[in-house]
PDB file of N, CA and C in Angstrom:
ATOM      1  N   MET A   1      -5.444 225.976 147.654  1.00  0.00           N
ATOM      2  CA  MET A   1      -6.261 224.969 148.318  1.00  0.00           C
ATOM      3  C   MET A   1      -5.378 223.994 149.074  1.00  0.00           C
ATOM      4  N   ARG A   2      -5.766 223.609 150.286  1.00  0.00           N
ATOM      5  CA  ARG A   2      -4.939 222.723 151.083  1.00  0.00           C
ATOM      6  C   ARG A   2      -5.057 221.261 150.662  1.00  0.00           C
ATOM      7  N   ASN A   3      -6.147 220.842 150.025  1.00  0.00           N
ATOM      8  CA  ASN A   3      -6.338 219.450 149.635  1.00  0.00           C
ATOM      9  C   ASN A   3      -5.525 219.067 148.405  1.00  0.00           C
ATOM     10  N   VAL A   4      -5.067 220.042 147.657  1.00  0.00           N
ATOM     11  CA  VAL A   4      -4.331 219.782 146.423  1.00  0.00           C
ATOM     12  C   VAL A   4      -2.981 219.154 146.736  1.00  0.00           C
ATOM     13  N   LYS A   5      -2.356 219.484 147.853  1.00  0.00           N
ATOM     14  CA  LYS A   5      -1.030 218.988 148.190  1.00  0.00           C
ATOM     15  C   LYS A   5      -1.015 217.478 148.452  1.00  0.00           C
ATOM     16  N   ALA A   6      -2.156 216.858 148.566  1.00  0.00           N
ATOM     17  CA  ALA A   6      -2.211 215.434 148.842  1.00  0.00           C
ATOM     18  C   ALA A   6      -1.806 214.604 147.621  1.00  0.00           C
ATOM     19  N   PHE A   7      -1.756 215.210 146.435  1.00  0.00           N
ATOM     20  CA  PHE A   7      -1.436 214.486 145.215  1.00  0.00           C
ATOM     21  C   PHE A   7      -0.041 214.861 144.735  1.00  0.00           C
ATOM     22  N   PRO A   8       0.678 213.924 144.134  1.00  0.00           N
ATOM     23  CA  PRO A   8       2.005 214.234 143.584  1.00  0.00           C
ATOM     24  C   PRO A   8       1.932 215.337 142.530  1.00  0.00           C
ATOM     25  N   ALA A   9       3.061 216.006 142.286  1.00  0.00           N
ATOM     26  CA  ALA A   9       3.110 217.157 141.383  1.00  0.00           C
ATOM     27  C   ALA A   9       2.690 216.787 139.965  1.00  0.00           C
ATOM     28  N   LYS A  10       3.087 215.598 139.463  1.00  0.00           N
ATOM     29  CA  LYS A  10       2.731 215.213 138.093  1.00  0.00           C
ATOM     30  C   LYS A  10       1.218 215.111 137.937  1.00  0.00           C
ATOM     31  N   GLU A  11       0.549 214.526 138.919  1.00  0.00           N
ATOM     32  CA  GLU A  11      -0.903 214.379 138.839  1.00  0.00           C
ATOM     33  C   GLU A  11      -1.603 215.730 138.982  1.00  0.00           C
ATOM     34  N   ARG A  12      -1.024 216.628 139.767  1.00  0.00           N
ATOM     35  CA  ARG A  12      -1.645 217.938 139.942  1.00  0.00           C
ATOM     36  C   ARG A  12      -1.664 218.709 138.640  1.00  0.00           C
ATOM     37  N   THR A  13      -0.644 218.610 137.861  1.00  0.00           N
ATOM     38  CA  THR A  13      -0.618 219.357 136.606  1.00  0.00           C
ATOM     39  C   THR A  13      -1.591 218.761 135.606  1.00  0.00           C
ATOM     40  N   ALA A  14      -1.873 217.483 135.702  1.00  0.00           N
ATOM     41  CA  ALA A  14      -2.775 216.847 134.750  1.00  0.00           C
ATOM     42  C   ALA A  14      -4.240 217.079 135.103  1.00  0.00           C
ATOM     43  N   MET A  15      -4.523 217.355 136.356  1.00  0.00           N
ATOM     44  CA  MET A  15      -5.910 217.537 136.781  1.00  0.00           C
ATOM     45  C   MET A  15      -6.167 219.001 137.097  1.00  0.00           C
ATOM     46  N   SER A  16      -7.432 219.361 136.971  1.00  0.00           N
ATOM     47  CA  SER A  16      -7.782 220.717 137.391  1.00  0.00           C
ATOM     48  C   SER A  16      -8.029 220.707 138.896  1.00  0.00           C
ATOM     49  N   ASP A  17      -7.941 221.852 139.508  1.00  0.00           N
ATOM     50  CA  ASP A  17      -8.150 221.949 140.954  1.00  0.00           C
ATOM     51  C   ASP A  17      -9.536 221.466 141.362  1.00  0.00           C
ATOM     52  N   VAL A  18     -10.527 221.697 140.529  1.00  0.00           N
ATOM     53  CA  VAL A  18     -11.895 221.281 140.835  1.00  0.00           C
ATOM     54  C   VAL A  18     -11.977 219.758 140.929  1.00  0.00           C
ATOM     55  N   ASN A  19     -11.364 219.055 140.004  1.00  0.00           N
ATOM     56  CA  ASN A  19     -11.384 217.600 140.032  1.00  0.00           C
ATOM     57  C   ASN A  19     -10.694 217.055 141.278  1.00  0.00           C
ATOM     58  N   VAL A  20      -9.610 217.669 141.666  1.00  0.00           N
ATOM     59  CA  VAL A  20      -8.872 217.212 142.833  1.00  0.00           C
ATOM     60  C   VAL A  20      -9.740 217.354 144.075  1.00  0.00           C
ATOM     61  N   VAL A  21     -10.384 218.488 144.224  1.00  0.00           N
ATOM     62  CA  VAL A  21     -11.234 218.713 145.386  1.00  0.00           C
ATOM     63  C   VAL A  21     -12.386 217.713 145.398  1.00  0.00           C
ATOM     64  N   GLU A  22     -12.979 217.450 144.245  1.00  0.00           N
ATOM     65  CA  GLU A  22     -14.082 216.486 144.181  1.00  0.00           C
ATOM     66  C   GLU A  22     -13.606 215.087 144.566  1.00  0.00           C
ATOM     67  N   GLU A  23     -12.408 214.690 144.114  1.00  0.00           N
ATOM     68  CA  GLU A  23     -11.896 213.376 144.464  1.00  0.00           C
ATOM     69  C   GLU A  23     -11.653 213.253 145.965  1.00  0.00           C
ATOM     70  N   VAL A  24     -11.115 214.281 146.580  1.00  0.00           N
ATOM     71  CA  VAL A  24     -10.838 214.242 148.007  1.00  0.00           C
ATOM     72  C   VAL A  24     -12.134 214.150 148.791  1.00  0.00           C
ATOM     73  N   VAL A  25     -13.129 214.898 148.385  1.00  0.00           N
ATOM     74  CA  VAL A  25     -14.408 214.879 149.089  1.00  0.00           C
ATOM     75  C   VAL A  25     -15.080 213.525 148.949  1.00  0.00           C
ATOM     76  N   THR A  26     -15.023 212.914 147.791  1.00  0.00           N
ATOM     77  CA  THR A  26     -15.707 211.647 147.595  1.00  0.00           C
ATOM     78  C   THR A  26     -14.991 210.478 148.256  1.00  0.00           C
ATOM     79  N   THR A  27     -13.729 210.624 148.613  1.00  0.00           N
ATOM     80  CA  THR A  27     -13.024 209.518 149.238  1.00  0.00           C
ATOM     81  C   THR A  27     -13.167 209.501 150.758  1.00  0.00           C
ATOM     82  N   LYS A  28     -13.764 210.530 151.358  1.00  0.00           N
ATOM     83  CA  LYS A  28     -13.958 210.532 152.803  1.00  0.00           C
ATOM     84  C   LYS A  28     -14.952 209.447 153.189  1.00  0.00           C
ATOM     85  N   LYS A  29     -14.747 208.888 154.388  1.00  0.00           N
ATOM     86  CA  LYS A  29     -15.647 207.837 154.868  1.00  0.00           C
ATOM     87  C   LYS A  29     -17.003 208.432 155.208  1.00  0.00           C
ATOM     88  N   SER A  30     -18.046 207.656 154.961  1.00  0.00           N
ATOM     89  CA  SER A  30     -19.377 208.134 155.325  1.00  0.00           C
ATOM     90  C   SER A  30     -19.588 207.947 156.814  1.00  0.00           C
ATOM     91  N   LYS A  31     -20.477 208.737 157.400  1.00  0.00           N
ATOM     92  CA  LYS A  31     -20.726 208.661 158.832  1.00  0.00           C
ATOM     93  C   LYS A  31     -21.437 207.369 159.182  1.00  0.00           C
ATOM     94  N   LYS A  32     -21.188 206.892 160.392  1.00  0.00           N
ATOM     95  CA  LYS A  32     -21.793 205.666 160.877  1.00  0.00           C
ATOM     96  C   LYS A  32     -23.280 205.921 161.159  1.00  0.00           C
ATOM     97  N   GLN A  33     -24.092 205.011 160.731  1.00  0.00           N
ATOM     98  CA  GLN A  33     -25.530 205.139 160.971  1.00  0.00           C
ATOM     99  C   GLN A  33     -25.848 204.866 162.424  1.00  0.00           C
ATOM    100  N   LYS A  34     -26.648 205.708 163.044  1.00  0.00           N
ATOM    101  CA  LYS A  34     -27.056 205.525 164.432  1.00  0.00           C
ATOM    102  C   LYS A  34     -28.471 204.975 164.457  1.00  0.00           C
ATOM    103  N   HIS A  35     -28.675 203.958 165.282  1.00  0.00           N
ATOM    104  CA  HIS A  35     -29.996 203.370 165.423  1.00  0.00           C
ATOM    105  C   HIS A  35     -30.827 204.201 166.383  1.00  0.00           C
ATOM    106  N   GLU A  36     -32.150 204.062 166.296  1.00  0.00           N
ATOM    107  CA  GLU A  36     -33.008 204.764 167.237  1.00  0.00           C
ATOM    108  C   GLU A  36     -32.865 204.132 168.606  1.00  0.00           C
ATOM    109  N   LEU A  37     -32.934 204.967 169.636  1.00  0.00           N
ATOM    110  CA  LEU A  37     -32.803 204.471 171.001  1.00  0.00           C
ATOM    111  C   LEU A  37     -34.135 203.898 171.471  1.00  0.00           C
ATOM    112  N   PRO A  38     -34.076 202.891 172.348  1.00  0.00           N
ATOM    113  CA  PRO A  38     -35.319 202.356 172.911  1.00  0.00           C
ATOM    114  C   PRO A  38     -36.027 203.425 173.738  1.00  0.00           C
ATOM    115  N   GLU A  39     -37.304 203.250 173.944  1.00  0.00           N
ATOM    116  CA  GLU A  39     -38.119 204.200 174.717  1.00  0.00           C
ATOM    117  C   GLU A  39     -37.584 204.302 176.141  1.00  0.00           C
ATOM    118  N   GLY A  40     -37.393 205.535 176.627  1.00  0.00           N
ATOM    119  CA  GLY A  40     -36.940 205.757 177.986  1.00  0.00           C
ATOM    120  C   GLY A  40     -35.437 205.738 178.167  1.00  0.00           C
ATOM    121  N   PHE A  41     -34.673 205.639 177.091  1.00  0.00           N
ATOM    122  CA  PHE A  41     -33.207 205.633 177.157  1.00  0.00           C
ATOM    123  C   PHE A  41     -32.657 206.875 176.464  1.00  0.00           C
ATOM    124  N   VAL A  42     -31.508 207.348 176.955  1.00  0.00           N
ATOM    125  CA  VAL A  42     -30.820 208.492 176.351  1.00  0.00           C
ATOM    126  C   VAL A  42     -29.324 208.214 176.337  1.00  0.00           C
ATOM    127  N   THR A  43     -28.621 208.949 175.512  1.00  0.00           N
ATOM    128  CA  THR A  43     -27.161 208.896 175.513  1.00  0.00           C
ATOM    129  C   THR A  43     -26.658 209.792 176.643  1.00  0.00           C
ATOM    130  N   PRO A  44     -25.390 209.700 177.021  1.00  0.00           N
ATOM    131  CA  PRO A  44     -24.861 210.613 178.037  1.00  0.00           C
ATOM    132  C   PRO A  44     -25.023 212.092 177.667  1.00  0.00           C
ATOM    133  N   VAL A  45     -24.901 212.419 176.397  1.00  0.00           N
ATOM    134  CA  VAL A  45     -25.097 213.802 175.967  1.00  0.00           C
ATOM    135  C   VAL A  45     -26.563 214.202 176.153  1.00  0.00           C
ATOM    136  N   GLY A  46     -27.477 213.302 175.819  1.00  0.00           N
ATOM    137  CA  GLY A  46     -28.897 213.561 176.033  1.00  0.00           C
ATOM    138  C   GLY A  46     -29.229 213.700 177.510  1.00  0.00           C
ATOM    139  N   PHE A  47     -28.522 212.950 178.339  1.00  0.00           N
ATOM    140  CA  PHE A  47     -28.732 213.047 179.781  1.00  0.00           C
ATOM    141  C   PHE A  47     -28.293 214.409 180.298  1.00  0.00           C
ATOM    142  N   THR A  48     -27.178 214.939 179.793  1.00  0.00           N
ATOM    143  CA  THR A  48     -26.750 216.277 180.224  1.00  0.00           C
ATOM    144  C   THR A  48     -27.755 217.334 179.796  1.00  0.00           C
ATOM    145  N   LYS A  49     -28.370 217.143 178.637  1.00  0.00           N
ATOM    146  CA  LYS A  49     -29.400 218.090 178.187  1.00  0.00           C
ATOM    147  C   LYS A  49     -30.628 217.999 179.079  1.00  0.00           C
ATOM    148  N   ALA A  50     -30.991 216.794 179.515  1.00  0.00           N
ATOM    149  CA  ALA A  50     -32.129 216.624 180.416  1.00  0.00           C
ATOM    150  C   ALA A  50     -31.843 217.267 181.770  1.00  0.00           C
ATOM    151  N   ILE A  51     -30.626 217.130 182.266  1.00  0.00           N
ATOM    152  CA  ILE A  51     -30.247 217.761 183.534  1.00  0.00           C
ATOM    153  C   ILE A  51     -30.326 219.281 183.403  1.00  0.00           C
ATOM    154  N   LYS A  52     -29.842 219.808 182.298  1.00  0.00           N
ATOM    155  CA  LYS A  52     -29.895 221.255 182.058  1.00  0.00           C
ATOM    156  C   LYS A  52     -31.341 221.730 182.047  1.00  0.00           C
ATOM    157  N   GLU A  53     -32.203 220.970 181.393  1.00  0.00           N
ATOM    158  CA  GLU A  53     -33.611 221.350 181.265  1.00  0.00           C
ATOM    159  C   GLU A  53     -34.358 221.251 182.598  1.00  0.00           C
ATOM    160  N   LEU A  54     -34.123 220.169 183.345  1.00  0.00           N
ATOM    161  CA  LEU A  54     -34.878 219.928 184.575  1.00  0.00           C
ATOM    162  C   LEU A  54     -34.310 220.643 185.800  1.00  0.00           C
ATOM    163  N   PHE A  55     -32.991 220.664 185.936  1.00  0.00           N
ATOM    164  CA  PHE A  55     -32.360 221.206 187.142  1.00  0.00           C
ATOM    165  C   PHE A  55     -31.614 222.512 186.903  1.00  0.00           C
ATOM    166  N   ASN A  56     -31.566 222.961 185.660  1.00  0.00           N
ATOM    167  CA  ASN A  56     -30.862 224.181 185.279  1.00  0.00           C
ATOM    168  C   ASN A  56     -29.401 224.150 185.741  1.00  0.00           C
ATOM    169  N   GLU A  57     -28.754 222.994 185.595  1.00  0.00           N
ATOM    170  CA  GLU A  57     -27.345 222.827 185.918  1.00  0.00           C
ATOM    171  C   GLU A  57     -26.569 222.601 184.625  1.00  0.00           C
ATOM    172  N   ASP A  58     -25.495 223.334 184.471  1.00  0.00           N
ATOM    173  CA  ASP A  58     -24.642 223.165 183.289  1.00  0.00           C
ATOM    174  C   ASP A  58     -23.519 222.195 183.613  1.00  0.00           C
ATOM    175  N   ILE A  59     -23.555 221.023 183.015  1.00  0.00           N
ATOM    176  CA  ILE A  59     -22.459 220.069 183.160  1.00  0.00           C
ATOM    177  C   ILE A  59     -22.027 219.627 181.778  1.00  0.00           C
ATOM    178  N   ARG A  60     -20.799 219.162 181.688  1.00  0.00           N
ATOM    179  CA  ARG A  60     -20.271 218.692 180.402  1.00  0.00           C
ATOM    180  C   ARG A  60     -20.554 217.194 180.270  1.00  0.00           C
ATOM    181  N   PRO A  61     -20.716 216.712 179.069  1.00  0.00           N
ATOM    182  CA  PRO A  61     -20.936 215.273 178.871  1.00  0.00           C
ATOM    183  C   PRO A  61     -19.786 214.424 179.397  1.00  0.00           C
ATOM    184  N   GLN A  62     -18.562 214.979 179.459  1.00  0.00           N
ATOM    185  CA  GLN A  62     -17.424 214.226 179.966  1.00  0.00           C
ATOM    186  C   GLN A  62     -17.651 213.787 181.411  1.00  0.00           C
ATOM    187  N   VAL A  63     -18.382 214.587 182.179  1.00  0.00           N
ATOM    188  CA  VAL A  63     -18.683 214.240 183.570  1.00  0.00           C
ATOM    189  C   VAL A  63     -19.527 212.972 183.610  1.00  0.00           C
ATOM    190  N   ILE A  64     -20.503 212.888 182.739  1.00  0.00           N
ATOM    191  CA  ILE A  64     -21.377 211.713 182.703  1.00  0.00           C
ATOM    192  C   ILE A  64     -20.598 210.506 182.196  1.00  0.00           C
ATOM    193  N   TYR A  65     -19.786 210.675 181.159  1.00  0.00           N
ATOM    194  CA  TYR A  65     -18.964 209.562 180.678  1.00  0.00           C
ATOM    195  C   TYR A  65     -18.018 209.075 181.768  1.00  0.00           C
ATOM    196  N   GLY A  66     -17.483 209.990 182.577  1.00  0.00           N
ATOM    197  CA  GLY A  66     -16.634 209.605 183.698  1.00  0.00           C
ATOM    198  C   GLY A  66     -17.391 208.794 184.728  1.00  0.00           C
ATOM    199  N   ASN A  67     -18.629 209.185 185.020  1.00  0.00           N
ATOM    200  CA  ASN A  67     -19.458 208.419 185.949  1.00  0.00           C
ATOM    201  C   ASN A  67     -19.803 207.045 185.388  1.00  0.00           C
ATOM    202  N   VAL A  68     -20.049 206.985 184.097  1.00  0.00           N
ATOM    203  CA  VAL A  68     -20.333 205.691 183.457  1.00  0.00           C
ATOM    204  C   VAL A  68     -19.143 204.759 183.635  1.00  0.00           C
ATOM    205  N   LYS A  69     -17.957 205.291 183.472  1.00  0.00           N
ATOM    206  CA  LYS A  69     -16.762 204.467 183.538  1.00  0.00           C
ATOM    207  C   LYS A  69     -16.353 204.125 184.968  1.00  0.00           C
ATOM    208  N   ASN A  70     -16.501 205.063 185.907  1.00  0.00           N
ATOM    209  CA  ASN A  70     -15.905 204.906 187.225  1.00  0.00           C
ATOM    210  C   ASN A  70     -16.860 204.667 188.385  1.00  0.00           C
ATOM    211  N   SER A  71     -18.101 205.066 188.289  1.00  0.00           N
ATOM    212  CA  SER A  71     -19.012 204.981 189.427  1.00  0.00           C
ATOM    213  C   SER A  71     -19.699 203.618 189.467  1.00  0.00           C
ATOM    214  N   LYS A  72     -19.579 202.941 190.610  1.00  0.00           N
ATOM    215  CA  LYS A  72     -20.213 201.624 190.756  1.00  0.00           C
ATOM    216  C   LYS A  72     -21.733 201.742 190.807  1.00  0.00           C
ATOM    217  N   SER A  73     -22.236 202.781 191.457  1.00  0.00           N
ATOM    218  CA  SER A  73     -23.686 202.930 191.573  1.00  0.00           C
ATOM    219  C   SER A  73     -24.331 203.345 190.253  1.00  0.00           C
ATOM    220  N   PHE A  74     -23.556 203.863 189.343  1.00  0.00           N
ATOM    221  CA  PHE A  74     -24.073 204.310 188.040  1.00  0.00           C
ATOM    222  C   PHE A  74     -24.256 203.139 187.077  1.00  0.00           C
ATOM    223  N   GLN A  75     -23.571 202.029 187.330  1.00  0.00           N
ATOM    224  CA  GLN A  75     -23.564 200.900 186.397  1.00  0.00           C
ATOM    225  C   GLN A  75     -24.904 200.171 186.308  1.00  0.00           C
ATOM    226  N   GLU A  76     -25.776 200.369 187.276  1.00  0.00           N
ATOM    227  CA  GLU A  76     -27.042 199.634 187.321  1.00  0.00           C
ATOM    228  C   GLU A  76     -27.950 199.925 186.137  1.00  0.00           C
ATOM    229  N   PHE A  77     -27.864 201.112 185.573  1.00  0.00           N
ATOM    230  CA  PHE A  77     -28.779 201.480 184.498  1.00  0.00           C
ATOM    231  C   PHE A  77     -28.063 201.886 183.217  1.00  0.00           C
ATOM    232  N   VAL A  78     -26.815 201.484 183.079  1.00  0.00           N
ATOM    233  CA  VAL A  78     -26.041 201.753 181.866  1.00  0.00           C
ATOM    234  C   VAL A  78     -26.045 200.504 180.999  1.00  0.00           C
ATOM    235  N   SER A  79     -26.244 200.678 179.711  1.00  0.00           N
ATOM    236  CA  SER A  79     -26.153 199.548 178.782  1.00  0.00           C
ATOM    237  C   SER A  79     -25.654 200.065 177.439  1.00  0.00           C
ATOM    238  N   LEU A  80     -25.528 199.181 176.484  1.00  0.00           N
ATOM    239  CA  LEU A  80     -25.103 199.552 175.138  1.00  0.00           C
ATOM    240  C   LEU A  80     -26.265 199.382 174.177  1.00  0.00           C
ATOM    241  N   SER A  81     -26.394 200.312 173.235  1.00  0.00           N
ATOM    242  CA  SER A  81     -27.428 200.171 172.219  1.00  0.00           C
ATOM    243  C   SER A  81     -26.923 199.233 171.128  1.00  0.00           C
ATOM    244  N   THR A  82     -27.773 198.950 170.174  1.00  0.00           N
ATOM    245  CA  THR A  82     -27.413 198.016 169.112  1.00  0.00           C
ATOM    246  C   THR A  82     -26.299 198.540 168.214  1.00  0.00           C
ATOM    247  N   ASP A  83     -26.090 199.848 168.201  1.00  0.00           N
ATOM    248  CA  ASP A  83     -25.011 200.393 167.387  1.00  0.00           C
ATOM    249  C   ASP A  83     -23.740 200.659 168.188  1.00  0.00           C
ATOM    250  N   GLY A  84     -23.685 200.228 169.454  1.00  0.00           N
ATOM    251  CA  GLY A  84     -22.477 200.321 170.257  1.00  0.00           C
ATOM    252  C   GLY A  84     -22.368 201.559 171.118  1.00  0.00           C
ATOM    253  N   ARG A  85     -23.353 202.438 171.077  1.00  0.00           N
ATOM    254  CA  ARG A  85     -23.298 203.641 171.911  1.00  0.00           C
ATOM    255  C   ARG A  85     -23.704 203.311 173.334  1.00  0.00           C
ATOM    256  N   THR A  86     -23.160 204.058 174.293  1.00  0.00           N
ATOM    257  CA  THR A  86     -23.554 203.930 175.683  1.00  0.00           C
ATOM    258  C   THR A  86     -24.896 204.629 175.853  1.00  0.00           C
ATOM    259  N   ILE A  87     -25.845 203.946 176.483  1.00  0.00           N
ATOM    260  CA  ILE A  87     -27.144 204.555 176.730  1.00  0.00           C
ATOM    261  C   ILE A  87     -27.508 204.383 178.196  1.00  0.00           C
ATOM    262  N   LEU A  88     -28.340 205.281 178.695  1.00  0.00           N
ATOM    263  CA  LEU A  88     -28.748 205.293 180.095  1.00  0.00           C
ATOM    264  C   LEU A  88     -30.263 205.243 180.179  1.00  0.00           C
ATOM    265  N   LYS A  89     -30.763 204.541 181.187  1.00  0.00           N
ATOM    266  CA  LYS A  89     -32.203 204.552 181.449  1.00  0.00           C
ATOM    267  C   LYS A  89     -32.505 205.883 182.119  1.00  0.00           C
ATOM    268  N   LEU A  90     -33.303 206.721 181.475  1.00  0.00           N
ATOM    269  CA  LEU A  90     -33.460 208.113 181.876  1.00  0.00           C
ATOM    270  C   LEU A  90     -34.014 208.277 183.281  1.00  0.00           C
ATOM    271  N   ASP A  91     -35.084 207.588 183.640  1.00  0.00           N
ATOM    272  CA  ASP A  91     -35.686 207.806 184.957  1.00  0.00           C
ATOM    273  C   ASP A  91     -34.754 207.389 186.089  1.00  0.00           C
ATOM    274  N   ALA A  92     -34.062 206.273 185.933  1.00  0.00           N
ATOM    275  CA  ALA A  92     -33.118 205.818 186.960  1.00  0.00           C
ATOM    276  C   ALA A  92     -31.913 206.745 187.042  1.00  0.00           C
ATOM    277  N   ALA A  93     -31.445 207.235 185.906  1.00  0.00           N
ATOM    278  CA  ALA A  93     -30.295 208.141 185.893  1.00  0.00           C
ATOM    279  C   ALA A  93     -30.655 209.476 186.549  1.00  0.00           C
ATOM    280  N   LEU A  94     -31.861 209.973 186.314  1.00  0.00           N
ATOM    281  CA  LEU A  94     -32.286 211.218 186.957  1.00  0.00           C
ATOM    282  C   LEU A  94     -32.407 211.046 188.465  1.00  0.00           C
ATOM    283  N   GLN A  95     -32.908 209.893 188.903  1.00  0.00           N
ATOM    284  CA  GLN A  95     -32.990 209.625 190.341  1.00  0.00           C
ATOM    285  C   GLN A  95     -31.583 209.564 190.943  1.00  0.00           C
ATOM    286  N   TRP A  96     -30.661 208.909 190.254  1.00  0.00           N
ATOM    287  CA  TRP A  96     -29.271 208.848 190.709  1.00  0.00           C
ATOM    288  C   TRP A  96     -28.697 210.252 190.848  1.00  0.00           C
ATOM    289  N   TRP A  97     -28.992 211.116 189.875  1.00  0.00           N
ATOM    290  CA  TRP A  97     -28.465 212.478 189.894  1.00  0.00           C
ATOM    291  C   TRP A  97     -29.011 213.255 191.096  1.00  0.00           C
ATOM    292  N   THR A  98     -30.289 213.111 191.404  1.00  0.00           N
ATOM    293  CA  THR A  98     -30.874 213.848 192.527  1.00  0.00           C
ATOM    294  C   THR A  98     -30.340 213.344 193.868  1.00  0.00           C
ATOM    295  N   GLU A  99     -29.957 212.068 193.954  1.00  0.00           N
ATOM    296  CA  GLU A  99     -29.471 211.487 195.206  1.00  0.00           C
ATOM    297  C   GLU A  99     -27.952 211.595 195.377  1.00  0.00           C
ATOM    298  N   LYS A 100     -27.251 212.111 194.384  1.00  0.00           N
ATOM    299  CA  LYS A 100     -25.783 212.117 194.450  1.00  0.00           C
ATOM    300  C   LYS A 100     -25.253 213.000 195.572  1.00  0.00           C
ATOM    301  N   ASP A 101     -25.901 214.117 195.880  1.00  0.00           N
ATOM    302  CA  ASP A 101     -25.440 214.980 196.971  1.00  0.00           C
ATOM    303  C   ASP A 101     -25.591 214.287 198.324  1.00  0.00           C
ATOM    304  N   THR A 102     -26.662 213.514 198.494  1.00  0.00           N
ATOM    305  CA  THR A 102     -26.862 212.757 199.732  1.00  0.00           C
ATOM    306  C   THR A 102     -25.768 211.706 199.898  1.00  0.00           C
ATOM    307  N   ARG A 103     -25.448 211.001 198.819  1.00  0.00           N
ATOM    308  CA  ARG A 103     -24.394 209.992 198.879  1.00  0.00           C
ATOM    309  C   ARG A 103     -23.044 210.622 199.218  1.00  0.00           C
ATOM    310  N   LYS A 104     -22.767 211.791 198.646  1.00  0.00           N
ATOM    311  CA  LYS A 104     -21.507 212.471 198.920  1.00  0.00           C
ATOM    312  C   LYS A 104     -21.432 212.889 200.388  1.00  0.00           C
ATOM    313  N   ALA A 105     -22.535 213.401 200.942  1.00  0.00           N
ATOM    314  CA  ALA A 105     -22.552 213.805 202.351  1.00  0.00           C
ATOM    315  C   ALA A 105     -22.335 212.594 203.260  1.00  0.00           C
ATOM    316  N   GLU A 106     -22.943 211.453 202.906  1.00  0.00           N
ATOM    317  CA  GLU A 106     -22.761 210.232 203.693  1.00  0.00           C
ATOM    318  C   GLU A 106     -21.303 209.768 203.658  1.00  0.00           C
ATOM    319  N   ARG A 107     -20.686 209.814 202.486  1.00  0.00           N
ATOM    320  CA  ARG A 107     -19.278 209.421 202.367  1.00  0.00           C
ATOM    321  C   ARG A 107     -18.375 210.336 203.184  1.00  0.00           C
ATOM    322  N   ASP A 108     -18.649 211.645 203.120  1.00  0.00           N
ATOM    323  CA  ASP A 108     -17.834 212.603 203.875  1.00  0.00           C
ATOM    324  C   ASP A 108     -17.995 212.391 205.377  1.00  0.00           C
ATOM    325  N   ALA A 109     -19.224 212.107 205.845  1.00  0.00           N
ATOM    326  CA  ALA A 109     -19.463 211.872 207.270  1.00  0.00           C
ATOM    327  C   ALA A 109     -18.746 210.604 207.724  1.00  0.00           C
ATOM    328  N   ALA A 110     -18.790 209.558 206.924  1.00  0.00           N
ATOM    329  CA  ALA A 110     -18.117 208.305 207.271  1.00  0.00           C
ATOM    330  C   ALA A 110     -16.600 208.511 207.307  1.00  0.00           C
ATOM    331  N   LYS A 111     -16.087 209.293 206.379  1.00  0.00           N
ATOM    332  CA  LYS A 111     -14.649 209.571 206.346  1.00  0.00           C
ATOM    333  C   LYS A 111     -14.226 210.376 207.578  1.00  0.00           C
ATOM    334  N   ALA A 112     -15.040 211.358 207.969  1.00  0.00           N
ATOM    335  CA  ALA A 112     -14.734 212.167 209.158  1.00  0.00           C
ATOM    336  C   ALA A 112     -14.790 211.315 210.420  1.00  0.00           C
ATOM    337  N   ALA A 113     -15.773 210.412 210.507  1.00  0.00           N
ATOM    338  CA  ALA A 113     -15.886 209.536 211.671  1.00  0.00           C
ATOM    339  C   ALA A 113     -14.686 208.599 211.759  1.00  0.00           C
ATOM    340  N   LYS A 114     -14.251 208.098 210.625  1.00  0.00           N
ATOM    341  CA  LYS A 114     -13.094 207.212 210.603  1.00  0.00           C
ATOM    342  C   LYS A 114     -11.828 207.963 211.025  1.00  0.00           C
ATOM    343  N   ALA A 115     -11.692 209.202 210.568  1.00  0.00           N
ATOM    344  CA  ALA A 115     -10.533 210.014 210.939  1.00  0.00           C
ATOM    345  C   ALA A 115     -10.559 210.346 212.427  1.00  0.00           C
ATOM    346  N   ALA A 116     -11.751 210.637 212.972  1.00  0.00           N
ATOM    347  CA  ALA A 116     -11.876 210.935 214.400  1.00  0.00           C
ATOM    348  C   ALA A 116     -11.538 209.709 215.234  1.00  0.00           C
ATOM    349  N   LYS A 117     -11.993 208.558 214.782  1.00  0.00           N
ATOM    350  CA  LYS A 117     -11.703 207.308 215.487  1.00  0.00           C
ATOM    351  C   LYS A 117     -10.206 207.016 215.463  1.00  0.00           C
ATOM    352  N   ALA A 118      -9.564 207.233 214.339  1.00  0.00           N
ATOM    353  CA  ALA A 118      -8.137 207.001 214.200  1.00  0.00           C
ATOM    354  C   ALA A 118      -7.339 207.967 215.078  1.00  0.00           C
ATOM    355  N   SER A 119      -7.754 209.212 215.153  1.00  0.00           N
ATOM    356  CA  SER A 119      -7.024 210.195 215.973  1.00  0.00           C
ATOM    357  C   SER A 119      -7.214 209.918 217.460  1.00  0.00           C
ATOM    358  N   SER A 120      -8.409 209.454 217.867  1.00  0.00           N
ATOM    359  CA  SER A 120      -8.628 209.126 219.284  1.00  0.00           C
ATOM    360  C   SER A 120      -7.857 207.858 219.671  1.00  0.00           C
ATOM    361  N   ALA A 121      -7.711 206.958 218.742  1.00  0.00           N
ATOM    362  CA  ALA A 121      -6.946 205.738 219.004  1.00  0.00           C
ATOM    363  C   ALA A 121      -5.459 206.047 219.142  1.00  0.00           C
ATOM    364  N   SER A 122      -4.960 206.989 218.368  1.00  0.00           N
ATOM    365  CA  SER A 122      -3.548 207.347 218.441  1.00  0.00           C
ATOM    366  C   SER A 122      -3.246 208.161 219.715  1.00  0.00           C
ATOM    367  N   GLU A 123      -4.227 208.921 220.214  1.00  0.00           N
ATOM    368  CA  GLU A 123      -4.043 209.683 221.448  1.00  0.00           C
ATOM    369  C   GLU A 123      -4.037 208.755 222.662  1.00  0.00           C
ATOM    370  N   GLY A 124      -4.763 207.656 222.595  1.00  0.00           N
ATOM    371  CA  GLY A 124      -4.853 206.708 223.687  1.00  0.00           C
ATOM    372  C   GLY A 124      -3.579 205.936 223.897  1.00  0.00           C
ATOM    373  N   ASN A 125      -2.716 205.862 222.921  1.00  0.00           N
ATOM    374  CA  ASN A 125      -1.471 205.092 223.049  1.00  0.00           C
ATOM    375  C   ASN A 125      -0.445 205.825 223.786  1.00  0.00           C
TER     376      ASN A 125
END
């Protein structure tokens, strides 16, 4: 057993293997209690499940956590629950998800226009 090595040799000889395993199991920390989420809110993992169900897109929860941390437009509907978990307002988050391709196309068009303007300005010199 791998848990037996946690005790010094003298104590191991005095105890049976069953007692040692029971002691190790009982000393583990209990899991943190999670509170119920308010109506209309989900965790980032729940949001990925909703996206999978509604849009049939497979994304990892890390993508949503990254958006929570880095995206300015995502911050409008992100909050913390009473137990400290990050939660999202589901309807607003789903709308954000459906509009993300439009925002990306707008950013790419603005970037291309800026590059074209910069190249025409450099040719004029």
